[in-house]
């Protein structure tokens, strides 16, 4: 619950700053978020798989299987995310045109899609390893990482990039990329140190 509250609070603050850029850029942002959300389903599917399989394996005291399932989910997710990101770059203009005929939105959107494509593998790591940690019962750490990245890094960087440096929608997406890259790195480090395997769960 805390994790989701932190996420929603950070997103609301972030979107408020993006909305200050004006109707065209806000519309561009929304279109690109919609395109990005198409890949969310993929990442969330692997995350649910990782959470379920890792949770069951740890419940059976099969840490070896938890490790195998987590690696398999992560590797497969990365491969598919890479293919999806490349596809987005190739068809970036046409993807934006699915949502609008506005020339300005298409122009800016075709640039922002590069950020969306870059985030595909990053997003995959974040979803899947986050799912692994949740499945292992490491939920407090996940909530803390969300607080650091979404509520602090993303909002502070967005303010600096958009308001102070005047980088507009590009600054907003740089902030969003920084948030997700940091979160994925933190999840990866937590996963690699193996502490998630030692958490005592209620049985």
N, C-alpha and C. Protein backbone atom coordinates (compact mmCIF):
# COMPACT_ATOMS: atom_id res chain seq x y z
N UNK A 1 0.83 -1.20 0.00
CA UNK A 1 0.00 0.00 0.00
C UNK A 1 0.87 1.26 0.00
N UNK A 2 1.89 1.26 0.87
CA UNK A 2 2.79 2.41 0.96
C UNK A 2 3.51 2.64 -0.36
N UNK A 3 3.94 1.56 -0.99
CA UNK A 3 4.63 1.67 -2.28
C UNK A 3 3.74 2.36 -3.31
N UNK A 4 2.47 1.95 -3.38
CA UNK A 4 1.55 2.52 -4.36
C UNK A 4 1.20 3.98 -4.04
N UNK A 5 1.08 4.32 -2.76
CA UNK A 5 0.82 5.70 -2.37
C UNK A 5 1.98 6.61 -2.77
N UNK A 6 3.20 6.13 -2.54
CA UNK A 6 4.38 6.91 -2.92
C UNK A 6 4.42 7.11 -4.43
N UNK A 7 4.15 6.05 -5.17
CA UNK A 7 4.15 6.11 -6.63
C UNK A 7 3.13 7.14 -7.13
N UNK A 8 1.91 7.08 -6.61
CA UNK A 8 0.85 7.99 -7.08
C UNK A 8 1.17 9.43 -6.73
N UNK A 9 1.71 9.66 -5.53
CA UNK A 9 2.06 11.02 -5.12
C UNK A 9 3.14 11.60 -6.03
N UNK A 10 4.16 10.81 -6.32
CA UNK A 10 5.23 11.26 -7.20
C UNK A 10 4.74 11.56 -8.60
N UNK A 11 3.87 10.70 -9.11
CA UNK A 11 3.34 10.88 -10.47
C UNK A 11 2.48 12.14 -10.55
N UNK A 12 1.66 12.40 -9.53
CA UNK A 12 0.81 13.60 -9.52
C UNK A 12 1.65 14.87 -9.56
N UNK A 13 2.69 14.92 -8.72
CA UNK A 13 3.57 16.10 -8.69
C UNK A 13 4.28 16.27 -10.04
N UNK A 14 4.77 15.15 -10.58
CA UNK A 14 5.47 15.17 -11.86
C UNK A 14 4.55 15.67 -12.98
N UNK A 15 3.33 15.11 -13.03
CA UNK A 15 2.39 15.49 -14.09
C UNK A 15 1.97 16.95 -13.98
N UNK A 16 1.91 17.46 -12.76
CA UNK A 16 1.57 18.88 -12.59
C UNK A 16 2.62 19.77 -13.22
N UNK A 17 3.88 19.41 -13.09
CA UNK A 17 4.95 20.20 -13.71
C UNK A 17 4.94 20.07 -15.22
N UNK A 18 4.64 18.87 -15.73
CA UNK A 18 4.55 18.68 -17.17
C UNK A 18 3.39 19.49 -17.74
N UNK A 19 2.27 19.54 -17.03
CA UNK A 19 1.10 20.27 -17.49
C UNK A 19 1.39 21.77 -17.65
N UNK A 20 2.36 22.27 -16.88
CA UNK A 20 2.71 23.69 -16.97
C UNK A 20 3.39 24.06 -18.28
N UNK A 21 3.77 23.04 -19.07
CA UNK A 21 4.46 23.29 -20.34
C UNK A 21 3.50 23.72 -21.45
N UNK A 22 2.23 23.59 -21.22
CA UNK A 22 1.26 23.98 -22.24
C UNK A 22 0.56 22.78 -22.85
N UNK A 23 -0.51 23.07 -23.56
CA UNK A 23 -1.39 22.02 -24.08
C UNK A 23 -0.69 21.07 -25.05
N UNK A 24 0.09 21.63 -25.98
CA UNK A 24 0.73 20.79 -27.01
C UNK A 24 1.72 19.81 -26.40
N UNK A 25 2.60 20.31 -25.53
CA UNK A 25 3.61 19.44 -24.93
C UNK A 25 2.99 18.47 -23.92
N UNK A 26 1.95 18.92 -23.24
CA UNK A 26 1.27 18.01 -22.32
C UNK A 26 0.59 16.89 -23.10
N UNK A 27 -0.02 17.25 -24.24
CA UNK A 27 -0.65 16.24 -25.10
C UNK A 27 0.40 15.26 -25.63
N UNK A 28 1.55 15.79 -26.01
CA UNK A 28 2.65 14.94 -26.48
C UNK A 28 3.07 13.96 -25.39
N UNK A 29 3.19 14.47 -24.18
CA UNK A 29 3.58 13.63 -23.06
C UNK A 29 2.56 12.51 -22.84
N UNK A 30 1.29 12.86 -22.92
CA UNK A 30 0.24 11.87 -22.70
C UNK A 30 0.24 10.79 -23.78
N UNK A 31 0.46 11.21 -25.02
CA UNK A 31 0.53 10.25 -26.13
C UNK A 31 1.69 9.27 -25.91
N UNK A 32 2.84 9.81 -25.55
CA UNK A 32 4.01 8.95 -25.35
C UNK A 32 3.85 8.04 -24.13
N UNK A 33 3.15 8.53 -23.11
CA UNK A 33 2.85 7.67 -21.96
C UNK A 33 1.93 6.53 -22.37
N UNK A 34 0.97 6.83 -23.24
CA UNK A 34 0.06 5.78 -23.72
C UNK A 34 0.82 4.72 -24.50
N UNK A 35 1.77 5.16 -25.32
CA UNK A 35 2.60 4.21 -26.08
C UNK A 35 3.45 3.38 -25.11
N UNK A 36 4.01 4.05 -24.11
CA UNK A 36 4.82 3.35 -23.12
C UNK A 36 3.97 2.35 -22.33
N UNK A 37 2.71 2.71 -22.07
CA UNK A 37 1.85 1.84 -21.27
C UNK A 37 1.55 0.52 -21.98
N UNK A 38 1.67 0.51 -23.31
CA UNK A 38 1.46 -0.74 -24.05
C UNK A 38 2.49 -1.77 -23.63
N UNK A 39 3.70 -1.31 -23.31
CA UNK A 39 4.75 -2.23 -22.89
C UNK A 39 4.67 -2.55 -21.40
N UNK A 40 3.90 -1.72 -20.65
CA UNK A 40 3.72 -2.01 -19.23
C UNK A 40 3.12 -3.39 -19.02
N UNK A 41 2.17 -3.75 -19.89
CA UNK A 41 1.49 -5.03 -19.74
C UNK A 41 2.48 -6.18 -19.82
N UNK A 42 3.45 -6.05 -20.71
CA UNK A 42 4.48 -7.07 -20.84
C UNK A 42 5.32 -7.17 -19.58
N UNK A 43 5.81 -6.01 -19.11
CA UNK A 43 6.64 -6.00 -17.91
C UNK A 43 5.89 -6.48 -16.69
N UNK A 44 4.63 -6.08 -16.56
CA UNK A 44 3.84 -6.48 -15.40
C UNK A 44 3.54 -7.97 -15.43
N UNK A 45 3.36 -8.52 -16.64
CA UNK A 45 3.12 -9.97 -16.76
C UNK A 45 4.32 -10.76 -16.25
N UNK A 46 5.52 -10.34 -16.64
CA UNK A 46 6.73 -11.00 -16.15
C UNK A 46 6.92 -10.77 -14.65
N UNK A 47 6.53 -9.57 -14.18
CA UNK A 47 6.66 -9.27 -12.76
C UNK A 47 5.75 -10.17 -11.91
N UNK A 48 4.52 -10.35 -12.38
CA UNK A 48 3.58 -11.23 -11.66
C UNK A 48 4.11 -12.66 -11.66
N UNK A 49 4.65 -13.08 -12.81
CA UNK A 49 5.23 -14.41 -12.91
C UNK A 49 6.38 -14.57 -11.93
N UNK A 50 7.26 -13.57 -11.88
CA UNK A 50 8.42 -13.63 -10.98
C UNK A 50 7.98 -13.65 -9.52
N UNK A 51 7.02 -12.78 -9.17
CA UNK A 51 6.53 -12.72 -7.79
C UNK A 51 5.95 -14.06 -7.36
N UNK A 52 5.12 -14.64 -8.23
CA UNK A 52 4.44 -15.90 -7.90
C UNK A 52 5.43 -17.06 -7.77
N UNK A 53 6.28 -17.22 -8.78
CA UNK A 53 7.20 -18.35 -8.80
C UNK A 53 8.26 -18.26 -7.70
N UNK A 54 8.78 -17.06 -7.49
CA UNK A 54 9.78 -16.88 -6.43
C UNK A 54 9.14 -17.08 -5.06
N UNK A 55 7.94 -16.53 -4.87
CA UNK A 55 7.25 -16.70 -3.59
C UNK A 55 6.97 -18.15 -3.28
N UNK A 56 6.51 -18.89 -4.30
CA UNK A 56 6.24 -20.32 -4.10
C UNK A 56 7.52 -21.10 -3.80
N UNK A 57 8.57 -20.78 -4.51
CA UNK A 57 9.84 -21.49 -4.32
C UNK A 57 10.42 -21.25 -2.94
N UNK A 58 10.37 -20.01 -2.48
CA UNK A 58 10.88 -19.69 -1.14
C UNK A 58 10.00 -20.35 -0.08
N UNK A 59 8.69 -20.36 -0.34
CA UNK A 59 7.78 -21.03 0.59
C UNK A 59 8.08 -22.52 0.73
N UNK A 60 8.61 -23.12 -0.34
CA UNK A 60 8.98 -24.53 -0.31
C UNK A 60 10.44 -24.73 0.13
N UNK A 61 11.09 -23.62 0.51
CA UNK A 61 12.51 -23.66 0.89
C UNK A 61 13.40 -24.08 -0.28
N UNK A 62 12.99 -23.74 -1.49
CA UNK A 62 13.78 -24.07 -2.69
C UNK A 62 14.39 -22.78 -3.24
N UNK A 63 15.43 -22.32 -2.57
CA UNK A 63 16.09 -21.09 -3.01
C UNK A 63 16.75 -21.26 -4.37
N UNK A 64 17.16 -22.49 -4.68
CA UNK A 64 17.77 -22.74 -5.98
C UNK A 64 16.76 -22.49 -7.10
N UNK A 65 15.50 -22.92 -6.90
CA UNK A 65 14.47 -22.71 -7.90
C UNK A 65 14.08 -21.23 -7.99
N UNK A 66 14.08 -20.55 -6.85
CA UNK A 66 13.79 -19.11 -6.85
C UNK A 66 14.82 -18.37 -7.70
N UNK A 67 16.08 -18.76 -7.58
CA UNK A 67 17.16 -18.14 -8.36
C UNK A 67 16.98 -18.43 -9.85
N UNK A 68 16.64 -19.66 -10.18
CA UNK A 68 16.45 -20.05 -11.59
C UNK A 68 15.27 -19.29 -12.20
N UNK A 69 14.15 -19.26 -11.49
CA UNK A 69 12.96 -18.57 -12.00
C UNK A 69 13.22 -17.08 -12.20
N UNK A 70 13.91 -16.47 -11.26
CA UNK A 70 14.16 -15.03 -11.36
C UNK A 70 15.08 -14.72 -12.54
N UNK A 71 16.11 -15.52 -12.73
CA UNK A 71 17.02 -15.30 -13.86
C UNK A 71 16.32 -15.51 -15.19
N UNK A 72 15.52 -16.57 -15.26
CA UNK A 72 14.82 -16.88 -16.51
C UNK A 72 13.85 -15.76 -16.87
N UNK A 73 13.06 -15.31 -15.90
CA UNK A 73 12.13 -14.21 -16.14
C UNK A 73 12.86 -12.95 -16.59
N UNK A 74 13.95 -12.63 -15.90
CA UNK A 74 14.67 -11.40 -16.21
C UNK A 74 15.30 -11.45 -17.60
N UNK A 75 15.95 -12.57 -17.93
CA UNK A 75 16.61 -12.69 -19.24
C UNK A 75 15.61 -12.65 -20.39
N UNK A 76 14.51 -13.39 -20.24
CA UNK A 76 13.49 -13.41 -21.29
C UNK A 76 12.85 -12.04 -21.44
N UNK A 77 12.58 -11.40 -20.30
CA UNK A 77 11.98 -10.06 -20.34
C UNK A 77 12.89 -9.05 -21.02
N UNK A 78 14.20 -9.13 -20.77
CA UNK A 78 15.15 -8.21 -21.40
C UNK A 78 15.21 -8.39 -22.91
N UNK A 79 15.19 -9.62 -23.36
CA UNK A 79 15.22 -9.90 -24.80
C UNK A 79 14.00 -9.30 -25.49
N UNK A 80 12.83 -9.56 -24.93
CA UNK A 80 11.59 -9.05 -25.53
C UNK A 80 11.54 -7.53 -25.46
N UNK A 81 12.00 -6.96 -24.34
CA UNK A 81 12.01 -5.50 -24.19
C UNK A 81 12.94 -4.86 -25.21
N UNK A 82 14.09 -5.48 -25.48
CA UNK A 82 15.01 -4.95 -26.48
C UNK A 82 14.40 -4.94 -27.87
N UNK A 83 13.71 -6.01 -28.22
CA UNK A 83 13.03 -6.09 -29.52
C UNK A 83 11.94 -5.03 -29.61
N UNK A 84 11.18 -4.88 -28.53
CA UNK A 84 10.11 -3.90 -28.51
C UNK A 84 10.65 -2.48 -28.63
N UNK A 85 11.76 -2.19 -27.94
CA UNK A 85 12.37 -0.86 -28.03
C UNK A 85 12.84 -0.54 -29.43
N UNK A 86 13.46 -1.51 -30.09
CA UNK A 86 13.92 -1.31 -31.46
C UNK A 86 12.74 -1.07 -32.40
N UNK A 87 11.68 -1.80 -32.20
CA UNK A 87 10.47 -1.63 -33.02
C UNK A 87 9.89 -0.23 -32.85
N UNK A 88 9.91 0.26 -31.61
CA UNK A 88 9.39 1.61 -31.34
C UNK A 88 10.20 2.67 -32.07
N UNK A 89 11.51 2.51 -32.11
CA UNK A 89 12.37 3.48 -32.80
C UNK A 89 12.08 3.48 -34.30
N UNK A 90 11.95 2.31 -34.87
CA UNK A 90 11.72 2.20 -36.31
C UNK A 90 10.38 2.82 -36.72
N UNK A 91 9.35 2.57 -35.92
CA UNK A 91 8.00 3.01 -36.28
C UNK A 91 7.52 4.17 -35.39
N UNK A 92 8.45 4.94 -34.86
CA UNK A 92 8.10 5.97 -33.87
C UNK A 92 7.07 6.98 -34.38
N UNK A 93 7.24 7.47 -35.58
CA UNK A 93 6.32 8.48 -36.11
C UNK A 93 4.92 7.90 -36.28
N UNK A 94 4.85 6.68 -36.77
CA UNK A 94 3.55 6.04 -37.02
C UNK A 94 2.85 5.69 -35.72
N UNK A 95 3.61 5.37 -34.69
CA UNK A 95 3.01 5.09 -33.39
C UNK A 95 2.33 6.34 -32.83
N UNK A 96 2.97 7.48 -32.97
CA UNK A 96 2.37 8.73 -32.50
C UNK A 96 1.15 9.08 -33.33
N UNK A 97 1.21 8.81 -34.62
CA UNK A 97 0.10 9.12 -35.52
C UNK A 97 -1.14 8.27 -35.24
N UNK A 98 -0.97 7.18 -34.50
CA UNK A 98 -2.14 6.39 -34.10
C UNK A 98 -3.04 7.17 -33.15
N UNK A 99 -2.45 8.16 -32.45
CA UNK A 99 -3.18 8.91 -31.43
C UNK A 99 -3.57 10.31 -31.86
N UNK A 100 -2.90 10.88 -32.84
CA UNK A 100 -3.16 12.27 -33.18
C UNK A 100 -2.76 12.59 -34.62
N UNK A 101 -3.35 13.67 -35.14
CA UNK A 101 -2.96 14.18 -36.47
C UNK A 101 -2.29 15.55 -36.33
N UNK A 102 -2.12 16.01 -35.10
CA UNK A 102 -1.49 17.31 -34.84
C UNK A 102 -0.01 17.24 -35.19
N UNK A 103 0.43 18.11 -36.10
CA UNK A 103 1.82 18.08 -36.58
C UNK A 103 2.83 18.33 -35.46
N UNK A 104 2.52 19.25 -34.55
CA UNK A 104 3.45 19.56 -33.47
C UNK A 104 3.60 18.38 -32.51
N UNK A 105 2.48 17.74 -32.19
CA UNK A 105 2.52 16.58 -31.30
C UNK A 105 3.30 15.44 -31.95
N UNK A 106 3.07 15.25 -33.25
CA UNK A 106 3.79 14.20 -33.98
C UNK A 106 5.29 14.50 -33.98
N UNK A 107 5.65 15.76 -34.19
CA UNK A 107 7.06 16.16 -34.23
C UNK A 107 7.75 15.89 -32.89
N UNK A 108 7.18 16.42 -31.81
CA UNK A 108 7.79 16.22 -30.49
C UNK A 108 7.70 14.76 -30.05
N UNK A 109 6.55 14.14 -30.35
CA UNK A 109 6.36 12.76 -29.95
C UNK A 109 7.36 11.81 -30.57
N UNK A 110 7.69 12.04 -31.85
CA UNK A 110 8.65 11.16 -32.54
C UNK A 110 10.04 11.28 -31.94
N UNK A 111 10.31 12.38 -31.25
CA UNK A 111 11.58 12.54 -30.53
C UNK A 111 11.53 11.85 -29.16
N UNK A 112 10.40 12.04 -28.47
CA UNK A 112 10.26 11.46 -27.13
C UNK A 112 10.23 9.94 -27.17
N UNK A 113 9.80 9.37 -28.29
CA UNK A 113 9.76 7.90 -28.41
C UNK A 113 11.15 7.29 -28.21
N UNK A 114 12.21 8.04 -28.51
CA UNK A 114 13.57 7.54 -28.26
C UNK A 114 13.77 7.29 -26.76
N UNK A 115 13.22 8.18 -25.93
CA UNK A 115 13.29 7.97 -24.48
C UNK A 115 12.50 6.72 -24.09
N UNK A 116 11.30 6.60 -24.69
CA UNK A 116 10.43 5.45 -24.38
C UNK A 116 11.13 4.15 -24.77
N UNK A 117 11.76 4.14 -25.94
CA UNK A 117 12.46 2.94 -26.41
C UNK A 117 13.64 2.60 -25.50
N UNK A 118 14.38 3.63 -25.10
CA UNK A 118 15.52 3.42 -24.20
C UNK A 118 15.07 2.79 -22.88
N UNK A 119 13.89 3.18 -22.42
CA UNK A 119 13.39 2.71 -21.13
C UNK A 119 12.88 1.28 -21.15
N UNK A 120 12.71 0.69 -22.34
CA UNK A 120 12.13 -0.65 -22.39
C UNK A 120 12.93 -1.68 -21.59
N UNK A 121 14.23 -1.87 -21.85
CA UNK A 121 14.98 -2.83 -21.03
C UNK A 121 15.12 -2.39 -19.58
N UNK A 122 15.25 -1.08 -19.36
CA UNK A 122 15.35 -0.56 -17.99
C UNK A 122 14.08 -0.88 -17.22
N UNK A 123 12.97 -0.64 -17.88
CA UNK A 123 11.65 -0.91 -17.29
C UNK A 123 11.46 -2.39 -17.01
N UNK A 124 11.98 -3.23 -17.91
CA UNK A 124 11.86 -4.67 -17.74
C UNK A 124 12.58 -5.13 -16.46
N UNK A 125 13.80 -4.63 -16.26
CA UNK A 125 14.57 -4.97 -15.06
C UNK A 125 13.82 -4.51 -13.80
N UNK A 126 13.30 -3.29 -13.87
CA UNK A 126 12.58 -2.72 -12.73
C UNK A 126 11.36 -3.55 -12.37
N UNK A 127 10.55 -3.90 -13.35
CA UNK A 127 9.34 -4.67 -13.09
C UNK A 127 9.66 -6.06 -12.55
N UNK A 128 10.56 -6.76 -13.25
CA UNK A 128 10.81 -8.17 -12.93
C UNK A 128 11.56 -8.33 -11.61
N UNK A 129 12.64 -7.58 -11.43
CA UNK A 129 13.38 -7.71 -10.17
C UNK A 129 12.58 -7.16 -8.99
N UNK A 130 11.76 -6.15 -9.26
CA UNK A 130 10.85 -5.69 -8.22
C UNK A 130 9.87 -6.79 -7.83
N UNK A 131 9.41 -7.54 -8.84
CA UNK A 131 8.53 -8.68 -8.58
C UNK A 131 9.22 -9.77 -7.79
N UNK A 132 10.49 -10.01 -8.10
CA UNK A 132 11.27 -11.01 -7.36
C UNK A 132 11.38 -10.61 -5.89
N UNK A 133 11.71 -9.35 -5.64
CA UNK A 133 11.87 -8.88 -4.26
C UNK A 133 10.54 -8.94 -3.49
N UNK A 134 9.45 -8.60 -4.17
CA UNK A 134 8.14 -8.69 -3.50
C UNK A 134 7.81 -10.15 -3.20
N UNK A 135 8.10 -11.03 -4.15
CA UNK A 135 7.83 -12.45 -3.94
C UNK A 135 8.62 -13.02 -2.77
N UNK A 136 9.80 -12.45 -2.53
CA UNK A 136 10.64 -12.91 -1.43
C UNK A 136 10.26 -12.25 -0.10
N UNK A 137 9.30 -11.31 -0.16
CA UNK A 137 8.88 -10.62 1.05
C UNK A 137 9.70 -9.39 1.37
N UNK A 138 10.51 -8.94 0.41
CA UNK A 138 11.38 -7.77 0.62
C UNK A 138 10.63 -6.48 0.26
N UNK A 139 9.42 -6.33 0.77
CA UNK A 139 8.54 -5.24 0.33
C UNK A 139 8.92 -3.88 0.91
N UNK A 140 9.50 -3.85 2.11
CA UNK A 140 9.88 -2.58 2.73
C UNK A 140 10.96 -1.88 1.91
N UNK A 141 11.93 -2.67 1.46
CA UNK A 141 13.01 -2.10 0.67
C UNK A 141 12.48 -1.55 -0.66
N UNK A 142 11.55 -2.28 -1.28
CA UNK A 142 10.94 -1.82 -2.53
C UNK A 142 10.25 -0.48 -2.30
N UNK A 143 9.50 -0.33 -1.21
CA UNK A 143 8.81 0.92 -0.90
C UNK A 143 9.80 2.06 -0.68
N UNK A 144 10.91 1.77 -0.01
CA UNK A 144 11.94 2.80 0.24
C UNK A 144 12.56 3.24 -1.09
N UNK A 145 12.83 2.29 -1.97
CA UNK A 145 13.40 2.64 -3.28
C UNK A 145 12.43 3.49 -4.09
N UNK A 146 11.14 3.20 -3.98
CA UNK A 146 10.14 4.01 -4.68
C UNK A 146 10.14 5.43 -4.14
N UNK A 147 10.27 5.57 -2.83
CA UNK A 147 10.32 6.89 -2.21
C UNK A 147 11.52 7.69 -2.74
N UNK A 148 12.68 7.04 -2.79
CA UNK A 148 13.90 7.71 -3.24
C UNK A 148 13.81 8.13 -4.70
N UNK A 149 13.32 7.23 -5.54
CA UNK A 149 13.36 7.49 -6.99
C UNK A 149 12.18 8.29 -7.51
N UNK A 150 10.96 7.84 -7.20
CA UNK A 150 9.77 8.50 -7.77
C UNK A 150 9.47 9.83 -7.08
N UNK A 151 9.49 9.83 -5.76
CA UNK A 151 9.06 11.02 -5.03
C UNK A 151 10.17 12.05 -4.86
N UNK A 152 11.43 11.60 -4.92
CA UNK A 152 12.54 12.54 -4.72
C UNK A 152 13.28 12.82 -6.03
N UNK A 153 13.89 11.78 -6.61
CA UNK A 153 14.72 11.99 -7.81
C UNK A 153 13.90 12.53 -8.97
N UNK A 154 12.76 11.90 -9.27
CA UNK A 154 11.99 12.32 -10.43
C UNK A 154 11.45 13.74 -10.27
N UNK A 155 10.85 14.03 -9.12
CA UNK A 155 10.23 15.35 -8.95
C UNK A 155 11.27 16.47 -8.85
N UNK A 156 12.36 16.23 -8.13
CA UNK A 156 13.40 17.25 -7.99
C UNK A 156 14.07 17.51 -9.34
N UNK A 157 14.44 16.44 -10.04
CA UNK A 157 15.08 16.60 -11.35
C UNK A 157 14.14 17.27 -12.36
N UNK A 158 12.86 16.91 -12.30
CA UNK A 158 11.89 17.53 -13.21
C UNK A 158 11.82 19.03 -12.96
N UNK A 159 11.80 19.42 -11.70
CA UNK A 159 11.77 20.85 -11.37
C UNK A 159 13.02 21.55 -11.90
N UNK A 160 14.18 20.93 -11.69
CA UNK A 160 15.44 21.53 -12.16
C UNK A 160 15.46 21.62 -13.68
N UNK A 161 15.12 20.51 -14.35
CA UNK A 161 15.20 20.45 -15.81
C UNK A 161 14.16 21.33 -16.50
N UNK A 162 12.94 21.30 -15.99
CA UNK A 162 11.84 22.02 -16.64
C UNK A 162 11.77 23.47 -16.21
N UNK A 163 11.78 23.71 -14.91
CA UNK A 163 11.57 25.06 -14.40
C UNK A 163 12.84 25.90 -14.40
N UNK A 164 13.94 25.33 -13.91
CA UNK A 164 15.17 26.11 -13.78
C UNK A 164 15.97 26.16 -15.08
N UNK A 165 16.11 25.03 -15.77
CA UNK A 165 16.92 24.98 -16.98
C UNK A 165 16.12 25.20 -18.26
N UNK A 166 14.80 25.13 -18.16
CA UNK A 166 13.95 25.40 -19.32
C UNK A 166 14.08 24.39 -20.45
N UNK A 167 14.29 23.12 -20.11
CA UNK A 167 14.46 22.09 -21.14
C UNK A 167 13.14 21.51 -21.63
N UNK A 168 12.04 21.99 -21.08
CA UNK A 168 10.73 21.59 -21.56
C UNK A 168 10.44 20.11 -21.39
N UNK A 169 9.74 19.55 -22.36
CA UNK A 169 9.32 18.15 -22.27
C UNK A 169 10.52 17.20 -22.28
N UNK A 170 11.60 17.62 -22.93
CA UNK A 170 12.81 16.78 -22.93
C UNK A 170 13.38 16.66 -21.52
N UNK A 171 13.34 17.76 -20.78
CA UNK A 171 13.81 17.75 -19.41
C UNK A 171 12.96 16.84 -18.53
N UNK A 172 11.64 16.85 -18.78
CA UNK A 172 10.73 15.99 -18.01
C UNK A 172 11.06 14.52 -18.26
N UNK A 173 11.35 14.17 -19.50
CA UNK A 173 11.66 12.78 -19.81
C UNK A 173 13.06 12.37 -19.36
N UNK A 174 13.98 13.33 -19.31
CA UNK A 174 15.29 13.04 -18.73
C UNK A 174 15.12 12.70 -17.25
N UNK A 175 14.26 13.46 -16.57
CA UNK A 175 13.98 13.20 -15.16
C UNK A 175 13.34 11.82 -14.98
N UNK A 176 12.40 11.49 -15.86
CA UNK A 176 11.73 10.20 -15.77
C UNK A 176 12.71 9.05 -16.03
N UNK A 177 13.59 9.23 -17.02
CA UNK A 177 14.61 8.20 -17.30
C UNK A 177 15.57 8.04 -16.13
N UNK A 178 15.94 9.16 -15.51
CA UNK A 178 16.86 9.11 -14.37
C UNK A 178 16.24 8.35 -13.22
N UNK A 179 14.95 8.61 -12.99
CA UNK A 179 14.22 7.90 -11.94
C UNK A 179 14.22 6.40 -12.20
N UNK A 180 13.85 5.99 -13.40
CA UNK A 180 13.71 4.57 -13.69
C UNK A 180 15.06 3.86 -13.75
N UNK A 181 16.08 4.54 -14.26
CA UNK A 181 17.42 3.94 -14.29
C UNK A 181 17.95 3.72 -12.88
N UNK A 182 17.75 4.72 -12.01
CA UNK A 182 18.20 4.59 -10.62
C UNK A 182 17.45 3.47 -9.91
N UNK A 183 16.14 3.39 -10.14
CA UNK A 183 15.32 2.35 -9.50
C UNK A 183 15.75 0.96 -9.96
N UNK A 184 15.98 0.82 -11.26
CA UNK A 184 16.41 -0.48 -11.78
C UNK A 184 17.77 -0.88 -11.21
N UNK A 185 18.66 0.11 -11.09
CA UNK A 185 19.99 -0.16 -10.52
C UNK A 185 19.87 -0.60 -9.06
N UNK A 186 19.03 0.09 -8.30
CA UNK A 186 18.84 -0.27 -6.89
C UNK A 186 18.24 -1.67 -6.76
N UNK A 187 17.25 -1.98 -7.59
CA UNK A 187 16.65 -3.31 -7.56
C UNK A 187 17.68 -4.38 -7.93
N UNK A 188 18.50 -4.08 -8.94
CA UNK A 188 19.52 -5.04 -9.39
C UNK A 188 20.55 -5.29 -8.30
N UNK A 189 21.00 -4.22 -7.64
CA UNK A 189 21.98 -4.37 -6.56
C UNK A 189 21.40 -5.16 -5.39
N UNK A 190 20.14 -4.88 -5.07
CA UNK A 190 19.49 -5.62 -3.98
C UNK A 190 19.35 -7.10 -4.35
N UNK A 191 19.02 -7.34 -5.60
CA UNK A 191 18.87 -8.73 -6.06
C UNK A 191 20.22 -9.46 -6.02
N UNK A 192 21.27 -8.79 -6.49
CA UNK A 192 22.58 -9.43 -6.59
C UNK A 192 23.21 -9.69 -5.23
N UNK A 193 22.90 -8.86 -4.23
CA UNK A 193 23.52 -9.10 -2.92
C UNK A 193 22.89 -10.29 -2.17
N UNK A 194 21.76 -10.78 -2.68
CA UNK A 194 21.18 -12.02 -2.17
C UNK A 194 20.45 -11.93 -0.84
N UNK A 195 20.28 -10.72 -0.31
CA UNK A 195 19.62 -10.60 1.00
C UNK A 195 18.15 -11.03 0.93
N UNK A 196 17.57 -10.92 -0.26
CA UNK A 196 16.16 -11.30 -0.42
C UNK A 196 15.93 -12.79 -0.15
N UNK A 197 17.01 -13.58 -0.25
CA UNK A 197 16.88 -15.02 -0.01
C UNK A 197 16.85 -15.36 1.48
N UNK A 198 17.21 -14.40 2.33
CA UNK A 198 17.36 -14.67 3.75
C UNK A 198 16.24 -14.09 4.60
N UNK A 199 15.23 -13.53 3.94
CA UNK A 199 14.13 -12.92 4.68
C UNK A 199 13.23 -14.01 5.25
N UNK A 200 12.91 -13.89 6.53
CA UNK A 200 12.04 -14.87 7.19
C UNK A 200 10.59 -14.46 6.99
N UNK A 201 9.82 -15.35 6.37
CA UNK A 201 8.40 -15.09 6.12
C UNK A 201 7.55 -15.85 7.13
N UNK A 202 6.35 -15.30 7.37
CA UNK A 202 5.41 -15.99 8.26
C UNK A 202 4.89 -17.24 7.57
N UNK A 203 4.83 -18.34 8.25
CA UNK A 203 4.33 -19.57 7.66
C UNK A 203 3.21 -20.15 8.53
